[in-house]
């Protein structure tokens, strides 16, 4: 399953990073309202990019662990 990570939001578009490390611009009206920078999204059958809460939590936890290992906290 393809996932996308919200890199940033600008000028009415979500800039998403793909699994292949490329970027796509998606209009805000094609992304669920609860998406924010750092959210992991999946494309639903209806054509809306929806937040994958489990993948988002896993990503957040992984980044937190990396930060702790770098800064010794």
C-alpha atoms as a PDB file:
ATOM      1  CA  UNK A   1       0.000   0.000   0.000  1.00  0.00           C
ATOM      2  CA  UNK A   2       1.381   3.388  -0.953  1.00  0.00           C
ATOM      3  CA  UNK A   3       1.737   5.933   1.782  1.00  0.00           C
ATOM      4  CA  UNK A   4       2.551   9.612   1.625  1.00  0.00           C
ATOM      5  CA  UNK A   5       3.983  11.914   4.274  1.00  0.00           C
ATOM      6  CA  UNK A   6       2.907  15.535   4.575  1.00  0.00           C
ATOM      7  CA  UNK A   7       6.092  17.548   4.118  1.00  0.00           C
ATOM      8  CA  UNK A   8       4.445  20.957   4.266  1.00  0.00           C
ATOM      9  CA  UNK A   9       1.308  22.917   3.453  1.00  0.00           C
ATOM     10  CA  UNK A  10       1.466  26.009   1.268  1.00  0.00           C
ATOM     11  CA  UNK A  11      -0.785  28.092  -0.963  1.00  0.00           C
ATOM     12  CA  UNK A  12      -3.761  25.756  -0.792  1.00  0.00           C
ATOM     13  CA  UNK A  13      -1.713  22.619  -1.432  1.00  0.00           C
ATOM     14  CA  UNK A  14      -0.330  19.772   0.610  1.00  0.00           C
ATOM     15  CA  UNK A  15       3.194  18.884  -0.469  1.00  0.00           C
ATOM     16  CA  UNK A  16       3.452  15.122   0.001  1.00  0.00           C
ATOM     17  CA  UNK A  17       6.581  12.987  -0.001  1.00  0.00           C
ATOM     18  CA  UNK A  18       6.080   9.619  -1.675  1.00  0.00           C
ATOM     19  CA  UNK A  19       7.677   6.328  -0.665  1.00  0.00           C
ATOM     20  CA  UNK A  20      10.042   6.841  -3.616  1.00  0.00           C
ATOM     21  CA  UNK A  21      11.256  10.133  -2.041  1.00  0.00           C
ATOM     22  CA  UNK A  22       9.632  12.320  -4.685  1.00  0.00           C
ATOM     23  CA  UNK A  23       7.143  15.099  -4.009  1.00  0.00           C
ATOM     24  CA  UNK A  24       3.629  15.720  -5.272  1.00  0.00           C
ATOM     25  CA  UNK A  25       1.320  18.715  -4.817  1.00  0.00           C
ATOM     26  CA  UNK A  26      -2.228  17.832  -3.773  1.00  0.00           C
ATOM     27  CA  UNK A  27      -5.033  20.411  -3.443  1.00  0.00           C
ATOM     28  CA  UNK A  28      -6.284  20.843   0.144  1.00  0.00           C
ATOM     29  CA  UNK A  29      -9.775  19.685  -0.822  1.00  0.00           C
ATOM     30  CA  UNK A  30      -8.358  16.242  -1.664  1.00  0.00           C
ATOM     31  CA  UNK A  31      -6.840  15.748   1.804  1.00  0.00           C
ATOM     32  CA  UNK A  32      -8.713  14.945   5.018  1.00  0.00           C
ATOM     33  CA  UNK A  33      -9.159  17.880   7.376  1.00  0.00           C
ATOM     34  CA  UNK A  34      -7.192  16.263  10.227  1.00  0.00           C
ATOM     35  CA  UNK A  35      -3.970  16.025   8.182  1.00  0.00           C
ATOM     36  CA  UNK A  36      -1.034  18.176   9.250  1.00  0.00           C
ATOM     37  CA  UNK A  37       2.711  18.356   8.676  1.00  0.00           C
ATOM     38  CA  UNK A  38       4.256  14.980   9.473  1.00  0.00           C
ATOM     39  CA  UNK A  39       1.026  13.009   9.017  1.00  0.00           C
ATOM     40  CA  UNK A  40       1.217   9.756   7.087  1.00  0.00           C
ATOM     41  CA  UNK A  41      -1.553   9.503   4.505  1.00  0.00           C
ATOM     42  CA  UNK A  42      -3.024   6.831   2.277  1.00  0.00           C
ATOM     43  CA  UNK A  43      -5.169   7.346  -0.780  1.00  0.00           C
ATOM     44  CA  UNK A  44      -8.712   6.083  -0.184  1.00  0.00           C
ATOM     45  CA  UNK A  45     -10.984   4.510  -2.770  1.00  0.00           C
ATOM     46  CA  UNK A  46     -12.877   7.802  -2.933  1.00  0.00           C
ATOM     47  CA  UNK A  47      -9.741   9.669  -4.017  1.00  0.00           C
ATOM     48  CA  UNK A  48      -9.209  11.478  -0.710  1.00  0.00           C
ATOM     49  CA  UNK A  49      -5.862  11.306   1.076  1.00  0.00           C
ATOM     50  CA  UNK A  50      -6.711  10.144   4.608  1.00  0.00           C
ATOM     51  CA  UNK A  51      -4.554  10.092   7.736  1.00  0.00           C
ATOM     52  CA  UNK A  52      -3.263   6.648   8.672  1.00  0.00           C
ATOM     53  CA  UNK A  53      -3.258   7.083  12.450  1.00  0.00           C
ATOM     54  CA  UNK A  54      -1.205   3.948  13.143  1.00  0.00           C
ATOM     55  CA  UNK A  55       1.535   4.782  10.611  1.00  0.00           C
ATOM     56  CA  UNK A  56       1.584   8.401  11.811  1.00  0.00           C
ATOM     57  CA  UNK A  57       2.053   7.282  15.435  1.00  0.00           C
ATOM     58  CA  UNK A  58       4.789   4.834  14.404  1.00  0.00           C
ATOM     59  CA  UNK A  59       6.592   7.598  12.489  1.00  0.00           C
ATOM     60  CA  UNK A  60       6.307  10.016  15.404  1.00  0.00           C
ATOM     61  CA  UNK A  61       7.650   7.398  17.822  1.00  0.00           C
ATOM     62  CA  UNK A  62      10.560   6.528  15.522  1.00  0.00           C
ATOM     63  CA  UNK A  63      11.511  10.203  15.174  1.00  0.00           C
ATOM     64  CA  UNK A  64      11.258  10.665  18.947  1.00  0.00           C
ATOM     65  CA  UNK A  65      13.574   7.694  19.532  1.00  0.00           C
ATOM     66  CA  UNK A  66      16.066   9.026  16.977  1.00  0.00           C
ATOM     67  CA  UNK A  67      16.034  12.420  18.673  1.00  0.00           C
ATOM     68  CA  UNK A  68      16.642  10.850  22.062  1.00  0.00           C
ATOM     69  CA  UNK A  69      19.557   8.794  20.771  1.00  0.00           C
ATOM     70  CA  UNK A  70      21.149  11.875  19.199  1.00  0.00           C
ATOM     71  CA  UNK A  71      20.748  14.153  22.202  1.00  0.00           C
ATOM     72  CA  UNK A  72      21.107  11.544  24.945  1.00  0.00           C
ATOM     73  CA  UNK A  73      17.782  12.237  26.609  1.00  0.00           C
END
